[in-house]
Amino acid sequence: MAAAKKETARGRKQDRARVAGGQKYEVGYESKKTGRSASAVKKAVKKVGNSRKRVEKSLGR
């Protein structure tokens, strides 16, 4: 019997540092957080990439 695979935090921090422009809940979260519309968040992701820092900076937060 194989031992259960140990879960690690690897990847979680990296995932939080990104905004998935195609994920409705991530776009909604970011738009609520910054006070901008969902379409503005999507445009920012397309313009500056999916880095959360850059997206928030672009949206003026």
PDB file of N, CA and C in Angstrom:
ATOM      1  N   MET A   1       0.844  -1.184   0.000  1.00  0.00           N
ATOM      2  CA  MET A   1       0.000   0.000   0.000  1.00  0.00           C
ATOM      3  C   MET A   1       0.890   1.248   0.000  1.00  0.00           C
ATOM      4  N   ALA A   2       0.607   2.147  -0.904  1.00  0.00           N
ATOM      5  CA  ALA A   2       1.419   3.355  -1.040  1.00  0.00           C
ATOM      6  C   ALA A   2       1.062   4.367   0.044  1.00  0.00           C
ATOM      7  N   ALA A   3       2.071   5.071   0.481  1.00  0.00           N
ATOM      8  CA  ALA A   3       1.837   6.103   1.500  1.00  0.00           C
ATOM      9  C   ALA A   3       1.079   7.273   0.883  1.00  0.00           C
ATOM     10  N   ALA A   4       0.244   7.902   1.669  1.00  0.00           N
ATOM     11  CA  ALA A   4      -0.525   9.054   1.182  1.00  0.00           C
ATOM     12  C   ALA A   4       0.431  10.188   0.838  1.00  0.00           C
ATOM     13  N   LYS A   5       0.151  10.862  -0.252  1.00  0.00           N
ATOM     14  CA  LYS A   5       1.004  11.959  -0.689  1.00  0.00           C
ATOM     15  C   LYS A   5       0.826  13.145   0.259  1.00  0.00           C
ATOM     16  N   LYS A   6       1.932  13.682   0.749  1.00  0.00           N
ATOM     17  CA  LYS A   6       1.879  14.803   1.677  1.00  0.00           C
ATOM     18  C   LYS A   6       1.545  16.092   0.922  1.00  0.00           C
ATOM     19  N   GLU A   7       0.553  16.805   1.428  1.00  0.00           N
ATOM     20  CA  GLU A   7       0.191  18.071   0.796  1.00  0.00           C
ATOM     21  C   GLU A   7       1.166  19.153   1.241  1.00  0.00           C
ATOM     22  N   THR A   8       1.583  19.959   0.296  1.00  0.00           N
ATOM     23  CA  THR A   8       2.500  21.048   0.610  1.00  0.00           C
ATOM     24  C   THR A   8       1.863  22.375   0.234  1.00  0.00           C
ATOM     25  N   ALA A   9       2.454  23.440   0.693  1.00  0.00           N
ATOM     26  CA  ALA A   9       1.952  24.779   0.377  1.00  0.00           C
ATOM     27  C   ALA A   9       2.537  25.278  -0.937  1.00  0.00           C
ATOM     28  N   ARG A  10       3.424  24.500  -1.541  1.00  0.00           N
ATOM     29  CA  ARG A  10       4.062  24.913  -2.781  1.00  0.00           C
ATOM     30  C   ARG A  10       2.991  25.178  -3.845  1.00  0.00           C
ATOM     31  N   GLY A  11       3.054  26.332  -4.427  1.00  0.00           N
ATOM     32  CA  GLY A  11       2.107  26.688  -5.472  1.00  0.00           C
ATOM     33  C   GLY A  11       0.977  27.557  -4.980  1.00  0.00           C
ATOM     34  N   ARG A  12       0.610  27.449  -3.744  1.00  0.00           N
ATOM     35  CA  ARG A  12      -0.509  28.246  -3.235  1.00  0.00           C
ATOM     36  C   ARG A  12      -0.166  29.739  -3.226  1.00  0.00           C
ATOM     37  N   LYS A  13       1.029  30.072  -2.756  1.00  0.00           N
ATOM     38  CA  LYS A  13       1.430  31.471  -2.706  1.00  0.00           C
ATOM     39  C   LYS A  13       1.522  32.043  -4.118  1.00  0.00           C
ATOM     40  N   GLN A  14       2.053  31.245  -5.023  1.00  0.00           N
ATOM     41  CA  GLN A  14       2.159  31.677  -6.418  1.00  0.00           C
ATOM     42  C   GLN A  14       0.773  31.922  -6.997  1.00  0.00           C
ATOM     43  N   ASP A  15      -0.169  31.062  -6.644  1.00  0.00           N
ATOM     44  CA  ASP A  15      -1.527  31.187  -7.163  1.00  0.00           C
ATOM     45  C   ASP A  15      -2.196  32.448  -6.643  1.00  0.00           C
ATOM     46  N   ARG A  16      -1.949  32.782  -5.388  1.00  0.00           N
ATOM     47  CA  ARG A  16      -2.561  33.995  -4.819  1.00  0.00           C
ATOM     48  C   ARG A  16      -1.983  35.261  -5.433  1.00  0.00           C
ATOM     49  N   ALA A  17      -0.794  35.165  -5.996  1.00  0.00           N
ATOM     50  CA  ALA A  17      -0.148  36.336  -6.588  1.00  0.00           C
ATOM     51  C   ALA A  17      -0.644  36.605  -8.003  1.00  0.00           C
ATOM     52  N   ARG A  18      -1.597  35.809  -8.487  1.00  0.00           N
ATOM     53  CA  ARG A  18      -2.109  35.951  -9.851  1.00  0.00           C
ATOM     54  C   ARG A  18      -3.608  36.223  -9.840  1.00  0.00           C
ATOM     55  N   VAL A  19      -4.075  36.880 -10.900  1.00  0.00           N
ATOM     56  CA  VAL A  19      -5.505  37.085 -11.101  1.00  0.00           C
ATOM     57  C   VAL A  19      -5.868  36.333 -12.375  1.00  0.00           C
ATOM     58  N   ALA A  20      -6.749  35.356 -12.256  1.00  0.00           N
ATOM     59  CA  ALA A  20      -7.184  34.600 -13.430  1.00  0.00           C
ATOM     60  C   ALA A  20      -8.309  35.388 -14.091  1.00  0.00           C
ATOM     61  N   GLY A  21      -8.011  36.016 -15.219  1.00  0.00           N
ATOM     62  CA  GLY A  21      -8.983  36.857 -15.912  1.00  0.00           C
ATOM     63  C   GLY A  21     -10.205  36.114 -16.405  1.00  0.00           C
ATOM     64  N   GLY A  22     -10.083  34.805 -16.598  1.00  0.00           N
ATOM     65  CA  GLY A  22     -11.208  34.009 -17.078  1.00  0.00           C
ATOM     66  C   GLY A  22     -12.058  33.434 -15.964  1.00  0.00           C
ATOM     67  N   GLN A  23     -11.634  33.601 -14.716  1.00  0.00           N
ATOM     68  CA  GLN A  23     -12.380  33.063 -13.582  1.00  0.00           C
ATOM     69  C   GLN A  23     -13.286  34.149 -13.009  1.00  0.00           C
ATOM     70  N   LYS A  24     -14.587  33.937 -13.126  1.00  0.00           N
ATOM     71  CA  LYS A  24     -15.566  34.945 -12.712  1.00  0.00           C
ATOM     72  C   LYS A  24     -15.395  35.353 -11.249  1.00  0.00           C
ATOM     73  N   TYR A  25     -15.156  34.377 -10.365  1.00  0.00           N
ATOM     74  CA  TYR A  25     -15.045  34.710  -8.942  1.00  0.00           C
ATOM     75  C   TYR A  25     -13.782  35.507  -8.638  1.00  0.00           C
ATOM     76  N   GLU A  26     -12.695  35.252  -9.372  1.00  0.00           N
ATOM     77  CA  GLU A  26     -11.463  36.028  -9.135  1.00  0.00           C
ATOM     78  C   GLU A  26     -11.623  37.450  -9.640  1.00  0.00           C
ATOM     79  N   VAL A  27     -12.237  37.596 -10.805  1.00  0.00           N
ATOM     80  CA  VAL A  27     -12.477  38.934 -11.358  1.00  0.00           C
ATOM     81  C   VAL A  27     -13.427  39.705 -10.448  1.00  0.00           C
ATOM     82  N   GLY A  28     -14.457  39.025  -9.960  1.00  0.00           N
ATOM     83  CA  GLY A  28     -15.427  39.652  -9.053  1.00  0.00           C
ATOM     84  C   GLY A  28     -14.785  40.094  -7.756  1.00  0.00           C
ATOM     85  N   TYR A  29     -13.922  39.241  -7.212  1.00  0.00           N
ATOM     86  CA  TYR A  29     -13.217  39.569  -5.971  1.00  0.00           C
ATOM     87  C   TYR A  29     -12.350  40.808  -6.167  1.00  0.00           C
ATOM     88  N   GLU A  30     -11.609  40.825  -7.257  1.00  0.00           N
ATOM     89  CA  GLU A  30     -10.698  41.948  -7.515  1.00  0.00           C
ATOM     90  C   GLU A  30     -11.484  43.226  -7.790  1.00  0.00           C
ATOM     91  N   SER A  31     -12.609  43.122  -8.483  1.00  0.00           N
ATOM     92  CA  SER A  31     -13.396  44.324  -8.765  1.00  0.00           C
ATOM     93  C   SER A  31     -14.018  44.875  -7.485  1.00  0.00           C
ATOM     94  N   LYS A  32     -14.456  43.992  -6.604  1.00  0.00           N
ATOM     95  CA  LYS A  32     -15.019  44.441  -5.327  1.00  0.00           C
ATOM     96  C   LYS A  32     -13.931  45.076  -4.458  1.00  0.00           C
ATOM     97  N   LYS A  33     -12.749  44.462  -4.476  1.00  0.00           N
ATOM     98  CA  LYS A  33     -11.625  44.940  -3.664  1.00  0.00           C
ATOM     99  C   LYS A  33     -11.158  46.323  -4.111  1.00  0.00           C
ATOM    100  N   THR A  34     -11.123  46.550  -5.426  1.00  0.00           N
ATOM    101  CA  THR A  34     -10.608  47.813  -5.951  1.00  0.00           C
ATOM    102  C   THR A  34     -11.706  48.846  -6.219  1.00  0.00           C
ATOM    103  N   GLY A  35     -12.968  48.395  -6.214  1.00  0.00           N
ATOM    104  CA  GLY A  35     -14.062  49.320  -6.480  1.00  0.00           C
ATOM    105  C   GLY A  35     -14.235  49.630  -7.960  1.00  0.00           C
ATOM    106  N   ARG A  36     -13.697  48.801  -8.815  1.00  0.00           N
ATOM    107  CA  ARG A  36     -13.819  48.988 -10.267  1.00  0.00           C
ATOM    108  C   ARG A  36     -14.723  47.903 -10.842  1.00  0.00           C
ATOM    109  N   SER A  37     -15.146  48.080 -12.083  1.00  0.00           N
ATOM    110  CA  SER A  37     -16.024  47.098 -12.709  1.00  0.00           C
ATOM    111  C   SER A  37     -15.244  45.850 -13.108  1.00  0.00           C
ATOM    112  N   ALA A  38     -15.981  44.772 -13.321  1.00  0.00           N
ATOM    113  CA  ALA A  38     -15.359  43.510 -13.722  1.00  0.00           C
ATOM    114  C   ALA A  38     -14.687  43.653 -15.082  1.00  0.00           C
ATOM    115  N   SER A  39     -15.297  44.415 -15.984  1.00  0.00           N
ATOM    116  CA  SER A  39     -14.688  44.592 -17.306  1.00  0.00           C
ATOM    117  C   SER A  39     -13.390  45.389 -17.208  1.00  0.00           C
ATOM    118  N   ALA A  40     -13.324  46.332 -16.263  1.00  0.00           N
ATOM    119  CA  ALA A  40     -12.081  47.092 -16.059  1.00  0.00           C
ATOM    120  C   ALA A  40     -10.976  46.178 -15.555  1.00  0.00           C
ATOM    121  N   VAL A  41     -11.334  45.235 -14.686  1.00  0.00           N
ATOM    122  CA  VAL A  41     -10.345  44.276 -14.175  1.00  0.00           C
ATOM    123  C   VAL A  41      -9.853  43.396 -15.316  1.00  0.00           C
ATOM    124  N   LYS A  42     -10.773  42.900 -16.145  1.00  0.00           N
ATOM    125  CA  LYS A  42     -10.384  42.047 -17.275  1.00  0.00           C
ATOM    126  C   LYS A  42      -9.463  42.798 -18.231  1.00  0.00           C
ATOM    127  N   LYS A  43      -9.773  44.066 -18.502  1.00  0.00           N
ATOM    128  CA  LYS A  43      -8.928  44.873 -19.384  1.00  0.00           C
ATOM    129  C   LYS A  43      -7.545  45.071 -18.780  1.00  0.00           C
ATOM    130  N   ALA A  44      -7.499  45.292 -17.469  1.00  0.00           N
ATOM    131  CA  ALA A  44      -6.217  45.470 -16.784  1.00  0.00           C
ATOM    132  C   ALA A  44      -5.383  44.195 -16.858  1.00  0.00           C
ATOM    133  N   VAL A  45      -6.024  43.040 -16.693  1.00  0.00           N
ATOM    134  CA  VAL A  45      -5.316  41.761 -16.776  1.00  0.00           C
ATOM    135  C   VAL A  45      -4.750  41.581 -18.177  1.00  0.00           C
ATOM    136  N   LYS A  46      -5.536  41.940 -19.177  1.00  0.00           N
ATOM    137  CA  LYS A  46      -5.069  41.819 -20.559  1.00  0.00           C
ATOM    138  C   LYS A  46      -3.915  42.782 -20.848  1.00  0.00           C
ATOM    139  N   LYS A  47      -3.995  43.973 -20.260  1.00  0.00           N
ATOM    140  CA  LYS A  47      -3.003  45.005 -20.532  1.00  0.00           C
ATOM    141  C   LYS A  47      -1.675  44.758 -19.811  1.00  0.00           C
ATOM    142  N   VAL A  48      -1.722  44.459 -18.508  1.00  0.00           N
ATOM    143  CA  VAL A  48      -0.487  44.364 -17.712  1.00  0.00           C
ATOM    144  C   VAL A  48      -0.098  42.947 -17.324  1.00  0.00           C
ATOM    145  N   GLY A  49      -0.920  41.960 -17.675  1.00  0.00           N
ATOM    146  CA  GLY A  49      -0.627  40.584 -17.302  1.00  0.00           C
ATOM    147  C   GLY A  49      -1.426  40.174 -16.081  1.00  0.00           C
ATOM    148  N   ASN A  50      -1.185  38.956 -15.589  1.00  0.00           N
ATOM    149  CA  ASN A  50      -2.025  38.455 -14.499  1.00  0.00           C
ATOM    150  C   ASN A  50      -1.414  38.592 -13.113  1.00  0.00           C
ATOM    151  N   SER A  51      -0.367  39.374 -12.980  1.00  0.00           N
ATOM    152  CA  SER A  51       0.228  39.620 -11.668  1.00  0.00           C
ATOM    153  C   SER A  51      -0.719  40.508 -10.857  1.00  0.00           C
ATOM    154  N   ARG A  52      -1.092  40.036  -9.662  1.00  0.00           N
ATOM    155  CA  ARG A  52      -2.050  40.785  -8.840  1.00  0.00           C
ATOM    156  C   ARG A  52      -1.534  42.178  -8.501  1.00  0.00           C
ATOM    157  N   LYS A  53      -0.235  42.304  -8.206  1.00  0.00           N
ATOM    158  CA  LYS A  53       0.343  43.616  -7.884  1.00  0.00           C
ATOM    159  C   LYS A  53       0.176  44.585  -9.042  1.00  0.00           C
ATOM    160  N   ARG A  54       0.520  44.117 -10.249  1.00  0.00           N
ATOM    161  CA  ARG A  54       0.439  44.996 -11.421  1.00  0.00           C
ATOM    162  C   ARG A  54      -1.003  45.349 -11.756  1.00  0.00           C
ATOM    163  N   VAL A  55      -1.908  44.390 -11.604  1.00  0.00           N
ATOM    164  CA  VAL A  55      -3.322  44.652 -11.890  1.00  0.00           C
ATOM    165  C   VAL A  55      -3.859  45.696 -10.923  1.00  0.00           C
ATOM    166  N   GLU A  56      -3.566  45.535  -9.632  1.00  0.00           N
ATOM    167  CA  GLU A  56      -4.042  46.501  -8.645  1.00  0.00           C
ATOM    168  C   GLU A  56      -3.428  47.877  -8.860  1.00  0.00           C
ATOM    169  N   LYS A  57      -2.170  47.916  -9.233  1.00  0.00           N
ATOM    170  CA  LYS A  57      -1.506  49.194  -9.509  1.00  0.00           C
ATOM    171  C   LYS A  57      -2.156  49.872 -10.706  1.00  0.00           C
ATOM    172  N   SER A  58      -2.459  49.084 -11.734  1.00  0.00           N
ATOM    173  CA  SER A  58      -3.099  49.602 -12.942  1.00  0.00           C
ATOM    174  C   SER A  58      -4.499  50.146 -12.637  1.00  0.00           C
ATOM    175  N   LEU A  59      -5.179  49.497 -11.696  1.00  0.00           N
ATOM    176  CA  LEU A  59      -6.544  49.922 -11.350  1.00  0.00           C
ATOM    177  C   LEU A  59      -6.546  51.066 -10.335  1.00  0.00           C
ATOM    178  N   GLY A  60      -5.367  51.476  -9.912  1.00  0.00           N
ATOM    179  CA  GLY A  60      -5.266  52.631  -9.017  1.00  0.00           C
ATOM    180  C   GLY A  60      -5.475  52.292  -7.562  1.00  0.00           C
ATOM    181  N   ARG A  61      -5.053  51.118  -7.147  1.00  0.00           N
ATOM    182  CA  ARG A  61      -5.162  50.758  -5.716  1.00  0.00           C
ATOM    183  C   ARG A  61      -3.796  50.720  -5.098  1.00  0.00           C
TER     184      ARG A  61
END
